[in-house]
Amino acid sequence: MTIFAELGFDVVSVAGDGDADRLVAGLGIDDRVERPDELDARLTDALCDADLVVVENLATIPLNLEASRSAGRVLAG
């Protein structure tokens, strides 16, 4: 994040919990998703102004498989 900011990019962090600029319910490690389409919509809203998305740990360590799948669907679209 620091390098992107130093290069002049506006950097916004998105997470399910913790210290992030935008929190999205359903992305947390222990979150349970009952309606994947709702998570897709929340994630789409959180990323609506992004030109570049760097996904860190969500797919490599899929402790919340539905969050990984949602990110894949949203970013593929």
PDB file of N, CA and C in Angstrom:
ATOM      1  N   MET A   1       0.816  -1.183   0.000  1.00  0.00           N
ATOM      2  CA  MET A   1       0.000   0.000   0.000  1.00  0.00           C
ATOM      3  C   MET A   1       0.863   1.251   0.000  1.00  0.00           C
ATOM      4  N   THR A   2       1.946   1.192   0.757  1.00  0.00           N
ATOM      5  CA  THR A   2       2.830   2.348   0.847  1.00  0.00           C
ATOM      6  C   THR A   2       3.436   2.682  -0.512  1.00  0.00           C
ATOM      7  N   ILE A   3       3.878   1.665  -1.221  1.00  0.00           N
ATOM      8  CA  ILE A   3       4.501   1.892  -2.533  1.00  0.00           C
ATOM      9  C   ILE A   3       3.499   2.482  -3.512  1.00  0.00           C
ATOM     10  N   PHE A   4       2.285   1.940  -3.553  1.00  0.00           N
ATOM     11  CA  PHE A   4       1.260   2.488  -4.450  1.00  0.00           C
ATOM     12  C   PHE A   4       0.979   3.946  -4.106  1.00  0.00           C
ATOM     13  N   ALA A   5       0.892   4.270  -2.819  1.00  0.00           N
ATOM     14  CA  ALA A   5       0.654   5.654  -2.403  1.00  0.00           C
ATOM     15  C   ALA A   5       1.821   6.547  -2.815  1.00  0.00           C
ATOM     16  N   GLU A   6       3.052   6.055  -2.652  1.00  0.00           N
ATOM     17  CA  GLU A   6       4.223   6.836  -3.047  1.00  0.00           C
ATOM     18  C   GLU A   6       4.274   7.072  -4.555  1.00  0.00           C
ATOM     19  N   LEU A   7       3.685   6.157  -5.320  1.00  0.00           N
ATOM     20  CA  LEU A   7       3.624   6.308  -6.774  1.00  0.00           C
ATOM     21  C   LEU A   7       2.483   7.223  -7.212  1.00  0.00           C
ATOM     22  N   GLY A   8       1.711   7.703  -6.244  1.00  0.00           N
ATOM     23  CA  GLY A   8       0.665   8.663  -6.558  1.00  0.00           C
ATOM     24  C   GLY A   8      -0.741   8.110  -6.637  1.00  0.00           C
ATOM     25  N   PHE A   9      -0.895   6.835  -6.335  1.00  0.00           N
ATOM     26  CA  PHE A   9      -2.230   6.232  -6.374  1.00  0.00           C
ATOM     27  C   PHE A   9      -2.995   6.562  -5.096  1.00  0.00           C
ATOM     28  N   ASP A  10      -4.308   6.710  -5.233  1.00  0.00           N
ATOM     29  CA  ASP A  10      -5.177   6.766  -4.062  1.00  0.00           C
ATOM     30  C   ASP A  10      -5.380   5.327  -3.627  1.00  0.00           C
ATOM     31  N   VAL A  11      -5.070   5.026  -2.385  1.00  0.00           N
ATOM     32  CA  VAL A  11      -5.145   3.663  -1.876  1.00  0.00           C
ATOM     33  C   VAL A  11      -6.281   3.566  -0.864  1.00  0.00           C
ATOM     34  N   VAL A  12      -7.140   2.583  -1.077  1.00  0.00           N
ATOM     35  CA  VAL A  12      -8.257   2.336  -0.172  1.00  0.00           C
ATOM     36  C   VAL A  12      -8.220   0.860   0.201  1.00  0.00           C
ATOM     37  N   SER A  13      -8.222   0.574   1.490  1.00  0.00           N
ATOM     38  CA  SER A  13      -8.233  -0.823   1.925  1.00  0.00           C
ATOM     39  C   SER A  13      -9.669  -1.270   2.187  1.00  0.00           C
ATOM     40  N   VAL A  14      -9.933  -2.537   1.849  1.00  0.00           N
ATOM     41  CA  VAL A  14     -11.256  -3.133   2.031  1.00  0.00           C
ATOM     42  C   VAL A  14     -11.055  -4.444   2.781  1.00  0.00           C
ATOM     43  N   ALA A  15     -11.841  -4.663   3.826  1.00  0.00           N
ATOM     44  CA  ALA A  15     -11.706  -5.890   4.620  1.00  0.00           C
ATOM     45  C   ALA A  15     -13.041  -6.215   5.287  1.00  0.00           C
ATOM     46  N   GLY A  16     -13.075  -7.385   5.884  1.00  0.00           N
ATOM     47  CA  GLY A  16     -14.263  -7.794   6.608  1.00  0.00           C
ATOM     48  C   GLY A  16     -14.269  -7.307   8.039  1.00  0.00           C
ATOM     49  N   ASP A  17     -13.082  -7.055   8.582  1.00  0.00           N
ATOM     50  CA  ASP A  17     -12.967  -6.529   9.937  1.00  0.00           C
ATOM     51  C   ASP A  17     -11.585  -5.920  10.094  1.00  0.00           C
ATOM     52  N   GLY A  18     -11.346  -5.314  11.226  1.00  0.00           N
ATOM     53  CA  GLY A  18     -10.038  -4.736  11.486  1.00  0.00           C
ATOM     54  C   GLY A  18      -9.942  -3.286  11.072  1.00  0.00           C
ATOM     55  N   ASP A  19      -8.721  -2.852  10.833  1.00  0.00           N
ATOM     56  CA  ASP A  19      -8.435  -1.461  10.508  1.00  0.00           C
ATOM     57  C   ASP A  19      -8.377  -1.305   8.983  1.00  0.00           C
ATOM     58  N   ALA A  20      -9.512  -1.015   8.372  1.00  0.00           N
ATOM     59  CA  ALA A  20      -9.581  -0.840   6.927  1.00  0.00           C
ATOM     60  C   ALA A  20     -10.425   0.397   6.627  1.00  0.00           C
ATOM     61  N   ASP A  21     -10.210   0.951   5.442  1.00  0.00           N
ATOM     62  CA  ASP A  21     -10.984   2.126   5.048  1.00  0.00           C
ATOM     63  C   ASP A  21     -12.453   1.785   4.821  1.00  0.00           C
ATOM     64  N   ARG A  22     -12.693   0.616   4.248  1.00  0.00           N
ATOM     65  CA  ARG A  22     -14.061   0.171   3.975  1.00  0.00           C
ATOM     66  C   ARG A  22     -14.238  -1.243   4.513  1.00  0.00           C
ATOM     67  N   LEU A  23     -15.200  -1.401   5.402  1.00  0.00           N
ATOM     68  CA  LEU A  23     -15.507  -2.721   5.951  1.00  0.00           C
ATOM     69  C   LEU A  23     -16.709  -3.299   5.228  1.00  0.00           C
ATOM     70  N   VAL A  24     -16.590  -4.555   4.830  1.00  0.00           N
ATOM     71  CA  VAL A  24     -17.662  -5.246   4.109  1.00  0.00           C
ATOM     72  C   VAL A  24     -18.071  -6.468   4.924  1.00  0.00           C
ATOM     73  N   ALA A  25     -19.300  -6.443   5.406  1.00  0.00           N
ATOM     74  CA  ALA A  25     -19.816  -7.588   6.164  1.00  0.00           C
ATOM     75  C   ALA A  25     -19.803  -8.827   5.274  1.00  0.00           C
ATOM     76  N   GLY A  26     -19.272  -9.908   5.797  1.00  0.00           N
ATOM     77  CA  GLY A  26     -19.199 -11.156   5.051  1.00  0.00           C
ATOM     78  C   GLY A  26     -17.792 -11.525   4.619  1.00  0.00           C
ATOM     79  N   LEU A  27     -16.864 -10.573   4.665  1.00  0.00           N
ATOM     80  CA  LEU A  27     -15.486 -10.855   4.251  1.00  0.00           C
ATOM     81  C   LEU A  27     -14.596 -11.330   5.391  1.00  0.00           C
ATOM     82  N   GLY A  28     -15.048 -11.217   6.624  1.00  0.00           N
ATOM     83  CA  GLY A  28     -14.236 -11.609   7.772  1.00  0.00           C
ATOM     84  C   GLY A  28     -13.998 -13.109   7.819  1.00  0.00           C
ATOM     85  N   ILE A  29     -12.936 -13.490   8.468  1.00  0.00           N
ATOM     86  CA  ILE A  29     -12.552 -14.901   8.558  1.00  0.00           C
ATOM     87  C   ILE A  29     -13.674 -15.753   9.142  1.00  0.00           C
ATOM     88  N   ASP A  30     -14.316 -15.248  10.179  1.00  0.00           N
ATOM     89  CA  ASP A  30     -15.355 -16.022  10.852  1.00  0.00           C
ATOM     90  C   ASP A  30     -16.771 -15.697  10.378  1.00  0.00           C
ATOM     91  N   ASP A  31     -16.902 -14.842   9.374  1.00  0.00           N
ATOM     92  CA  ASP A  31     -18.234 -14.481   8.873  1.00  0.00           C
ATOM     93  C   ASP A  31     -18.864 -15.646   8.134  1.00  0.00           C
ATOM     94  N   ARG A  32     -20.144 -15.770   8.278  1.00  0.00           N
ATOM     95  CA  ARG A  32     -20.907 -16.773   7.538  1.00  0.00           C
ATOM     96  C   ARG A  32     -21.836 -16.050   6.578  1.00  0.00           C
ATOM     97  N   VAL A  33     -21.865 -16.498   5.347  1.00  0.00           N
ATOM     98  CA  VAL A  33     -22.649 -15.838   4.302  1.00  0.00           C
ATOM     99  C   VAL A  33     -23.848 -16.698   3.961  1.00  0.00           C
ATOM    100  N   GLU A  34     -25.021 -16.154   4.197  1.00  0.00           N
ATOM    101  CA  GLU A  34     -26.240 -16.880   3.855  1.00  0.00           C
ATOM    102  C   GLU A  34     -26.711 -16.549   2.446  1.00  0.00           C
ATOM    103  N   ARG A  35     -26.442 -15.325   2.000  1.00  0.00           N
ATOM    104  CA  ARG A  35     -26.870 -14.901   0.669  1.00  0.00           C
ATOM    105  C   ARG A  35     -25.666 -14.392  -0.116  1.00  0.00           C
ATOM    106  N   PRO A  36     -25.037 -15.257  -0.903  1.00  0.00           N
ATOM    107  CA  PRO A  36     -23.850 -14.844  -1.655  1.00  0.00           C
ATOM    108  C   PRO A  36     -24.094 -13.641  -2.567  1.00  0.00           C
ATOM    109  N   ASP A  37     -25.304 -13.516  -3.124  1.00  0.00           N
ATOM    110  CA  ASP A  37     -25.584 -12.382  -3.998  1.00  0.00           C
ATOM    111  C   ASP A  37     -25.517 -11.058  -3.240  1.00  0.00           C
ATOM    112  N   GLU A  38     -25.883 -11.068  -1.951  1.00  0.00           N
ATOM    113  CA  GLU A  38     -25.791  -9.849  -1.152  1.00  0.00           C
ATOM    114  C   GLU A  38     -24.335  -9.485  -0.875  1.00  0.00           C
ATOM    115  N   LEU A  39     -23.497 -10.481  -0.612  1.00  0.00           N
ATOM    116  CA  LEU A  39     -22.072 -10.217  -0.425  1.00  0.00           C
ATOM    117  C   LEU A  39     -21.478  -9.683  -1.719  1.00  0.00           C
ATOM    118  N   ASP A  40     -21.847 -10.269  -2.844  1.00  0.00           N
ATOM    119  CA  ASP A  40     -21.361  -9.768  -4.136  1.00  0.00           C
ATOM    120  C   ASP A  40     -21.720  -8.295  -4.311  1.00  0.00           C
ATOM    121  N   ALA A  41     -22.944  -7.925  -3.954  1.00  0.00           N
ATOM    122  CA  ALA A  41     -23.397  -6.536  -4.100  1.00  0.00           C
ATOM    123  C   ALA A  41     -22.613  -5.601  -3.173  1.00  0.00           C
ATOM    124  N   ARG A  42     -22.404  -6.013  -1.916  1.00  0.00           N
ATOM    125  CA  ARG A  42     -21.644  -5.179  -0.979  1.00  0.00           C
ATOM    126  C   ARG A  42     -20.200  -5.009  -1.445  1.00  0.00           C
ATOM    127  N   LEU A  43     -19.607  -6.084  -1.945  1.00  0.00           N
ATOM    128  CA  LEU A  43     -18.227  -6.010  -2.422  1.00  0.00           C
ATOM    129  C   LEU A  43     -18.134  -5.158  -3.685  1.00  0.00           C
ATOM    130  N   THR A  44     -19.094  -5.299  -4.574  1.00  0.00           N
ATOM    131  CA  THR A  44     -19.136  -4.462  -5.782  1.00  0.00           C
ATOM    132  C   THR A  44     -19.210  -2.991  -5.402  1.00  0.00           C
ATOM    133  N   ASP A  45     -20.046  -2.655  -4.437  1.00  0.00           N
ATOM    134  CA  ASP A  45     -20.151  -1.265  -3.978  1.00  0.00           C
ATOM    135  C   ASP A  45     -18.830  -0.771  -3.397  1.00  0.00           C
ATOM    136  N   ALA A  46     -18.160  -1.611  -2.610  1.00  0.00           N
ATOM    137  CA  ALA A  46     -16.904  -1.216  -1.972  1.00  0.00           C
ATOM    138  C   ALA A  46     -15.791  -0.988  -2.992  1.00  0.00           C
ATOM    139  N   LEU A  47     -15.877  -1.679  -4.135  1.00  0.00           N
ATOM    140  CA  LEU A  47     -14.818  -1.592  -5.147  1.00  0.00           C
ATOM    141  C   LEU A  47     -15.209  -0.743  -6.354  1.00  0.00           C
ATOM    142  N   CYS A  48     -16.351  -0.081  -6.299  1.00  0.00           N
ATOM    143  CA  CYS A  48     -16.901   0.587  -7.484  1.00  0.00           C
ATOM    144  C   CYS A  48     -15.979   1.626  -8.105  1.00  0.00           C
ATOM    145  N   ASP A  49     -15.127   2.269  -7.323  1.00  0.00           N
ATOM    146  CA  ASP A  49     -14.259   3.309  -7.870  1.00  0.00           C
ATOM    147  C   ASP A  49     -12.811   2.854  -8.031  1.00  0.00           C
ATOM    148  N   ALA A  50     -12.583   1.558  -7.970  1.00  0.00           N
ATOM    149  CA  ALA A  50     -11.211   1.024  -8.045  1.00  0.00           C
ATOM    150  C   ALA A  50     -10.786   0.797  -9.492  1.00  0.00           C
ATOM    151  N   ASP A  51      -9.565   1.194  -9.793  1.00  0.00           N
ATOM    152  CA  ASP A  51      -8.960   0.893 -11.085  1.00  0.00           C
ATOM    153  C   ASP A  51      -8.083  -0.351 -11.007  1.00  0.00           C
ATOM    154  N   LEU A  52      -7.575  -0.626  -9.820  1.00  0.00           N
ATOM    155  CA  LEU A  52      -6.707  -1.773  -9.587  1.00  0.00           C
ATOM    156  C   LEU A  52      -7.082  -2.369  -8.240  1.00  0.00           C
ATOM    157  N   VAL A  53      -7.214  -3.686  -8.208  1.00  0.00           N
ATOM    158  CA  VAL A  53      -7.525  -4.374  -6.956  1.00  0.00           C
ATOM    159  C   VAL A  53      -6.440  -5.406  -6.701  1.00  0.00           C
ATOM    160  N   VAL A  54      -5.825  -5.333  -5.535  1.00  0.00           N
ATOM    161  CA  VAL A  54      -4.834  -6.315  -5.110  1.00  0.00           C
ATOM    162  C   VAL A  54      -5.482  -7.131  -3.992  1.00  0.00           C
ATOM    163  N   VAL A  55      -5.667  -8.405  -4.234  1.00  0.00           N
ATOM    164  CA  VAL A  55      -6.293  -9.285  -3.238  1.00  0.00           C
ATOM    165  C   VAL A  55      -5.178  -9.967  -2.459  1.00  0.00           C
ATOM    166  N   GLU A  56      -5.212  -9.769  -1.152  1.00  0.00           N
ATOM    167  CA  GLU A  56      -4.164 -10.334  -0.308  1.00  0.00           C
ATOM    168  C   GLU A  56      -4.772 -11.324   0.682  1.00  0.00           C
ATOM    169  N   ASN A  57      -4.323 -12.558   0.625  1.00  0.00           N
ATOM    170  CA  ASN A  57      -4.691 -13.637   1.543  1.00  0.00           C
ATOM    171  C   ASN A  57      -6.105 -14.191   1.389  1.00  0.00           C
ATOM    172  N   LEU A  58      -6.975 -13.546   0.686  1.00  0.00           N
ATOM    173  CA  LEU A  58      -8.351 -14.009   0.600  1.00  0.00           C
ATOM    174  C   LEU A  58      -8.464 -15.308  -0.189  1.00  0.00           C
ATOM    175  N   ALA A  59      -7.714 -15.436  -1.249  1.00  0.00           N
ATOM    176  CA  ALA A  59      -7.791 -16.645  -2.071  1.00  0.00           C
ATOM    177  C   ALA A  59      -6.690 -17.647  -1.734  1.00  0.00           C
ATOM    178  N   THR A  60      -5.568 -17.152  -1.219  1.00  0.00           N
ATOM    179  CA  THR A  60      -4.466 -18.061  -0.924  1.00  0.00           C
ATOM    180  C   THR A  60      -4.684 -18.825   0.365  1.00  0.00           C
ATOM    181  N   ILE A  61      -5.413 -18.197   1.280  1.00  0.00           N
ATOM    182  CA  ILE A  61      -5.733 -18.838   2.557  1.00  0.00           C
ATOM    183  C   ILE A  61      -7.249 -18.743   2.729  1.00  0.00           C
ATOM    184  N   PRO A  62      -7.993 -19.602   2.031  1.00  0.00           N
ATOM    185  CA  PRO A  62      -9.456 -19.446   2.010  1.00  0.00           C
ATOM    186  C   PRO A  62     -10.143 -19.943   3.279  1.00  0.00           C
ATOM    187  N   LEU A  63      -9.978 -19.187   4.364  1.00  0.00           N
ATOM    188  CA  LEU A  63     -10.648 -19.543   5.604  1.00  0.00           C
ATOM    189  C   LEU A  63     -12.136 -19.195   5.542  1.00  0.00           C
ATOM    190  N   ASN A  64     -12.493 -18.274   4.664  1.00  0.00           N
ATOM    191  CA  ASN A  64     -13.884 -17.936   4.402  1.00  0.00           C
ATOM    192  C   ASN A  64     -14.087 -18.185   2.902  1.00  0.00           C
ATOM    193  N   LEU A  65     -14.422 -19.408   2.566  1.00  0.00           N
ATOM    194  CA  LEU A  65     -14.505 -19.810   1.163  1.00  0.00           C
ATOM    195  C   LEU A  65     -15.520 -18.989   0.377  1.00  0.00           C
ATOM    196  N   GLU A  66     -16.640 -18.650   0.988  1.00  0.00           N
ATOM    197  CA  GLU A  66     -17.646 -17.866   0.266  1.00  0.00           C
ATOM    198  C   GLU A  66     -17.135 -16.462  -0.045  1.00  0.00           C
ATOM    199  N   ALA A  67     -16.338 -15.878   0.835  1.00  0.00           N
ATOM    200  CA  ALA A  67     -15.736 -14.574   0.550  1.00  0.00           C
ATOM    201  C   ALA A  67     -14.757 -14.684  -0.618  1.00  0.00           C
ATOM    202  N   SER A  68     -13.983 -15.756  -0.665  1.00  0.00           N
ATOM    203  CA  SER A  68     -13.070 -15.975  -1.790  1.00  0.00           C
ATOM    204  C   SER A  68     -13.837 -16.097  -3.095  1.00  0.00           C
ATOM    205  N   ARG A  69     -14.912 -16.866  -3.061  1.00  0.00           N
ATOM    206  CA  ARG A  69     -15.729 -17.049  -4.260  1.00  0.00           C
ATOM    207  C   ARG A  69     -16.379 -15.737  -4.688  1.00  0.00           C
ATOM    208  N   SER A  70     -16.859 -14.977  -3.722  1.00  0.00           N
ATOM    209  CA  SER A  70     -17.491 -13.687  -4.048  1.00  0.00           C
ATOM    210  C   SER A  70     -16.491 -12.743  -4.705  1.00  0.00           C
ATOM    211  N   ALA A  71     -15.294 -12.650  -4.158  1.00  0.00           N
ATOM    212  CA  ALA A  71     -14.275 -11.791  -4.756  1.00  0.00           C
ATOM    213  C   ALA A  71     -13.970 -12.250  -6.183  1.00  0.00           C
ATOM    214  N   GLY A  72     -13.893 -13.531  -6.391  1.00  0.00           N
ATOM    215  CA  GLY A  72     -13.652 -14.050  -7.739  1.00  0.00           C
ATOM    216  C   GLY A  72     -14.757 -13.648  -8.701  1.00  0.00           C
ATOM    217  N   ARG A  73     -16.002 -13.802  -8.269  1.00  0.00           N
ATOM    218  CA  ARG A  73     -17.143 -13.425  -9.127  1.00  0.00           C
ATOM    219  C   ARG A  73     -17.136 -11.928  -9.435  1.00  0.00           C
ATOM    220  N   VAL A  74     -16.954 -11.132  -8.393  1.00  0.00           N
ATOM    221  CA  VAL A  74     -17.013  -9.671  -8.570  1.00  0.00           C
ATOM    222  C   VAL A  74     -15.868  -9.181  -9.449  1.00  0.00           C
ATOM    223  N   LEU A  75     -14.662  -9.682  -9.206  1.00  0.00           N
ATOM    224  CA  LEU A  75     -13.520  -9.209  -9.973  1.00  0.00           C
ATOM    225  C   LEU A  75     -13.501  -9.754 -11.402  1.00  0.00           C
ATOM    226  N   ALA A  76     -14.111 -10.898 -11.623  1.00  0.00           N
ATOM    227  CA  ALA A  76     -14.202 -11.423 -12.996  1.00  0.00           C
ATOM    228  C   ALA A  76     -15.170 -10.601 -13.829  1.00  0.00           C
ATOM    229  N   GLY A  77     -16.126  -9.968 -13.167  1.00  0.00           N
ATOM    230  CA  GLY A  77     -17.138  -9.178 -13.872  1.00  0.00           C
ATOM    231  C   GLY A  77     -16.653  -7.800 -14.158  1.00  0.00           C
TER     232      GLY A  77
END
